[in-house]
Amino acid sequence: MKNIIFVPSLKEARSLFNIDFNITDKGFYEGYLQNYKIIVSGVSKTNISIAATYTFTNEVPNVAYLVGIAGCYRQSDLNIGDVVCVCEDFFVDEGALVENNLLMLHELGFGVCDFNRVGFNTVDNLPAVKSNTVSFLSSKDNLAEIYYNKTAADIENMEGASFGLVCNKFKVTSFQIRAISNHCGDRNKQKWNAKKALDNLQKYLFENIIKI
């Protein structure tokens, strides 16, 4: 069985892998590289959940990776261009503001999963970080601070916790590898450099995972 790499967007996938992608009847883009199937899931918790569930229903891989770019919180020690692996990822915005405090769903008695948190396997040669998976991006400093203060996560993404939860349900060994493309918070201060992030991520993947 092939190992599978999921990528949120076609733009990321084309920057990382010099292969052709074909659209499937389910609306996913797929391509092949060595012993890997590359699947473009679409951005967001919903799209990665659909793509991973459909894929694993038909073929359960030995290992599944989620790779792509992410933002880092300014309170972290990370820099734009850094490549990291996620050790745990929180459904941080699955919750409610109660008296100006963010309470995740498990604190309200009906969590998405235990402690609204999903764990991932890590690799020895990358920094292991915590992540927040959100639907509502922290495009303002005060929201970024709320998310950071809740979990002390280093980075923010839109798919990770959902991907990890699906992998857990199907008993698939999972890794999440991200490259930092911007800072979280006010959009006019985010200092985007997606090219640097994707170039560094590509280098890491081909030297350590795919090994062409």
Protein backbone atom coordinates (compact mmCIF):
# COMPACT_ATOMS: atom_id res chain seq x y z
CA MET A 1 0.00 0.00 0.00
CA LYS A 2 1.32 3.44 -0.92
CA ASN A 3 1.99 6.03 1.71
CA ILE A 4 -0.13 9.16 1.27
CA ILE A 5 0.74 12.83 1.50
CA PHE A 6 -2.14 15.28 1.86
CA VAL A 7 -1.67 18.92 0.86
CA PRO A 8 -4.38 21.54 1.51
CA SER A 9 -4.15 23.54 -1.72
CA LEU A 10 -3.20 22.92 -5.33
CA LYS A 11 -0.89 25.93 -5.23
CA GLU A 12 1.08 24.39 -2.36
CA ALA A 13 1.14 20.97 -4.05
CA ARG A 14 2.43 22.33 -7.36
CA SER A 15 5.14 24.28 -5.55
CA LEU A 16 6.27 21.23 -3.59
CA PHE A 17 6.02 18.45 -6.20
CA ASN A 18 6.95 18.63 -9.86
CA ILE A 19 4.24 16.20 -11.00
CA ASP A 20 0.94 16.25 -12.85
CA PHE A 21 -2.27 16.31 -10.84
CA ASN A 22 -5.55 14.90 -12.12
CA ILE A 23 -8.95 15.71 -10.67
CA THR A 24 -11.02 12.78 -9.41
CA ASP A 25 -14.78 12.30 -9.60
CA LYS A 26 -14.93 13.43 -5.95
CA GLY A 27 -13.25 16.75 -6.71
CA PHE A 28 -9.83 15.95 -5.24
CA TYR A 29 -6.61 16.37 -7.16
CA GLU A 30 -4.27 13.39 -7.10
CA GLY A 31 -0.77 12.67 -8.31
CA TYR A 32 1.93 10.05 -7.79
CA LEU A 33 5.59 10.31 -6.86
CA GLN A 34 7.71 7.25 -6.11
CA ASN A 35 5.87 5.26 -3.41
CA TYR A 36 3.59 8.17 -2.52
CA LYS A 37 0.14 9.22 -3.55
CA ILE A 38 -0.24 13.00 -3.26
CA ILE A 39 -3.79 14.20 -2.54
CA VAL A 40 -4.90 17.83 -2.62
CA SER A 41 -7.69 17.95 -0.07
CA GLY A 42 -8.82 21.55 -0.22
CA VAL A 43 -8.37 24.06 2.59
CA SER A 44 -10.29 23.80 5.92
CA LYS A 45 -11.28 21.23 8.52
CA THR A 46 -14.25 20.16 6.42
CA ASN A 47 -12.33 19.45 3.21
CA ILE A 48 -9.50 17.53 4.87
CA SER A 49 -12.04 15.46 6.84
CA ILE A 50 -13.90 14.52 3.67
CA ALA A 51 -10.73 13.79 1.70
CA ALA A 52 -9.08 11.69 4.41
CA THR A 53 -12.24 9.76 5.30
CA TYR A 54 -12.99 8.95 1.65
CA THR A 55 -9.38 7.95 1.01
CA PHE A 56 -9.01 5.72 4.06
CA THR A 57 -12.36 4.04 3.39
CA ASN A 58 -10.94 2.82 0.08
CA GLU A 59 -7.29 2.32 1.00
CA VAL A 60 -5.61 2.46 4.39
CA PRO A 61 -1.97 3.55 4.00
CA ASN A 62 0.95 2.58 6.19
CA VAL A 63 1.65 6.24 6.90
CA ALA A 64 -0.15 9.50 6.09
CA TYR A 65 1.37 12.95 6.09
CA LEU A 66 -0.24 16.37 6.08
CA VAL A 67 2.17 19.00 4.74
CA GLY A 68 1.81 22.68 3.94
CA ILE A 69 2.30 26.20 5.21
CA ALA A 70 1.14 27.69 8.50
CA GLY A 71 1.29 30.91 10.48
CA CYS A 72 3.20 31.25 13.73
CA TYR A 73 2.17 33.22 16.81
CA ARG A 74 4.49 36.09 17.64
CA GLN A 75 4.96 34.68 21.16
CA SER A 76 6.65 31.59 19.69
CA ASP A 77 10.36 31.32 18.95
CA LEU A 78 9.73 30.51 15.30
CA ASN A 79 10.78 32.45 12.22
CA ILE A 80 9.31 32.63 8.73
CA GLY A 81 10.76 29.78 6.69
CA ASP A 82 11.17 27.38 9.63
CA VAL A 83 10.05 23.80 9.03
CA VAL A 84 8.43 22.08 12.02
CA CYS A 85 6.52 18.95 12.93
CA VAL A 86 3.34 19.15 14.99
CA CYS A 87 3.17 17.03 18.14
CA GLU A 88 -0.35 18.05 19.18
CA ASP A 89 -3.08 20.08 17.55
CA PHE A 90 -6.10 21.73 19.18
CA PHE A 91 -9.62 22.40 17.91
CA VAL A 92 -9.19 25.76 19.60
CA ASP A 93 -12.15 27.63 18.08
CA GLU A 94 -14.62 24.80 18.61
CA GLY A 95 -16.05 26.47 21.70
CA ALA A 96 -17.56 29.66 23.10
CA LEU A 97 -16.57 32.95 24.66
CA VAL A 98 -17.91 32.96 28.21
CA GLU A 99 -17.30 36.13 30.25
CA ASN A 100 -14.42 37.02 27.91
CA ASN A 101 -12.80 33.61 28.40
CA LEU A 102 -12.43 31.12 25.57
CA LEU A 103 -13.83 27.75 26.60
CA MET A 104 -13.27 24.85 24.23
CA LEU A 105 -16.10 22.38 23.73
CA HIS A 106 -14.69 19.74 26.07
CA GLU A 107 -14.84 22.34 28.86
CA LEU A 108 -18.52 22.82 28.05
CA GLY A 109 -19.21 19.11 28.33
CA PHE A 110 -19.29 17.96 24.71
CA GLY A 111 -15.82 17.97 23.22
CA VAL A 112 -14.86 17.14 19.66
CA CYS A 113 -12.38 14.66 21.14
CA ASP A 114 -10.49 14.28 24.42
CA PHE A 115 -9.49 17.77 25.56
CA ASN A 116 -10.21 19.04 22.00
CA ARG A 117 -6.70 17.84 21.19
CA VAL A 118 -5.14 15.38 18.73
CA GLY A 119 -1.61 13.98 18.91
CA PHE A 120 0.79 13.31 16.04
CA ASN A 121 3.96 11.31 15.58
CA THR A 122 7.11 13.43 15.38
CA VAL A 123 10.46 13.23 13.61
CA ASP A 124 13.82 13.59 15.32
CA ASN A 125 15.31 16.22 13.03
CA LEU A 126 12.55 18.84 13.24
CA PRO A 127 11.36 21.03 16.14
CA ALA A 128 8.15 19.61 17.63
CA VAL A 129 5.50 22.29 18.13
CA LYS A 130 1.93 22.64 19.28
CA SER A 131 -0.67 23.93 16.86
CA ASN A 132 -4.16 25.43 16.83
CA THR A 133 -6.51 24.34 14.05
CA VAL A 134 -9.05 27.05 13.29
CA SER A 135 -11.89 27.87 10.95
CA PHE A 136 -11.78 31.55 11.97
CA LEU A 137 -8.24 32.74 11.29
CA SER A 138 -6.64 35.09 13.80
CA SER A 139 -6.36 38.09 11.46
CA LYS A 140 -6.38 40.46 14.44
CA ASP A 141 -3.80 40.64 17.22
CA ASN A 142 -6.39 40.31 19.98
CA LEU A 143 -7.79 37.10 18.51
CA ALA A 144 -4.31 35.65 18.00
CA GLU A 145 -3.62 36.42 21.66
CA ILE A 146 -6.85 34.68 22.75
CA TYR A 147 -5.94 31.54 20.79
CA TYR A 148 -2.33 31.55 21.98
CA ASN A 149 -3.25 32.13 25.63
CA LYS A 150 -5.68 29.21 25.53
CA THR A 151 -3.25 26.52 24.38
CA ALA A 152 0.26 28.07 24.23
CA ALA A 153 0.42 26.74 20.68
CA ASP A 154 3.26 27.85 18.43
CA ILE A 155 1.46 27.81 15.09
CA GLU A 156 -1.97 28.06 13.51
CA ASN A 157 -3.43 26.09 10.60
CA MET A 158 -6.82 25.17 9.15
CA GLU A 159 -6.71 21.37 8.76
CA GLY A 160 -4.40 19.62 11.20
CA ALA A 161 -6.58 18.52 14.11
CA SER A 162 -9.29 17.23 11.76
CA PHE A 163 -6.73 15.26 9.78
CA GLY A 164 -5.26 13.78 12.95
CA LEU A 165 -8.66 12.79 14.28
CA VAL A 166 -9.58 10.96 11.06
CA CYS A 167 -6.20 9.18 11.12
CA ASN A 168 -6.84 8.09 14.71
CA LYS A 169 -10.27 6.70 13.78
CA PHE A 170 -8.75 4.63 10.97
CA LYS A 171 -5.64 3.71 12.99
CA VAL A 172 -3.34 5.35 10.45
CA THR A 173 0.12 6.49 11.57
CA SER A 174 0.10 10.25 11.01
CA PHE A 175 2.58 13.09 10.74
CA GLN A 176 1.97 16.80 10.22
CA ILE A 177 4.85 18.84 8.81
CA ARG A 178 4.49 22.58 8.27
CA ALA A 179 6.64 25.47 7.10
CA ILE A 180 6.08 28.95 8.54
CA SER A 181 4.89 31.41 5.89
CA ASN A 182 3.65 34.32 8.03
CA HIS A 183 2.86 35.61 11.49
CA CYS A 184 -0.61 35.36 12.98
CA GLY A 185 -2.45 38.53 13.94
CA ASP A 186 -3.14 41.82 12.16
CA ARG A 187 -2.95 41.18 8.44
CA ASN A 188 -0.86 44.29 7.70
CA LYS A 189 1.88 42.95 10.01
CA GLN A 190 1.96 39.30 8.96
CA LYS A 191 5.13 39.52 6.79
CA TRP A 192 4.19 36.75 4.36
CA ASN A 193 6.88 34.76 2.54
CA ALA A 194 5.16 31.67 1.20
CA LYS A 195 7.92 31.01 -1.34
CA LYS A 196 10.61 30.74 1.32
CA ALA A 197 8.39 28.46 3.41
CA LEU A 198 7.53 26.18 0.50
CA ASP A 199 11.13 26.04 -0.77
CA ASN A 200 12.33 24.98 2.68
CA LEU A 201 9.51 22.48 3.07
CA GLN A 202 10.24 20.99 -0.36
CA LYS A 203 13.92 20.61 0.52
CA TYR A 204 13.07 18.85 3.77
CA LEU A 205 10.56 16.48 2.17
CA PHE A 206 12.87 15.41 -0.65
CA GLU A 207 15.87 14.96 1.63
CA ASN A 208 14.10 13.17 4.47
CA ILE A 209 10.73 11.70 3.41
CA ILE A 210 10.58 11.02 -0.31
CA LYS A 211 14.36 10.81 -0.81
CA ILE A 212 14.68 11.06 -4.59
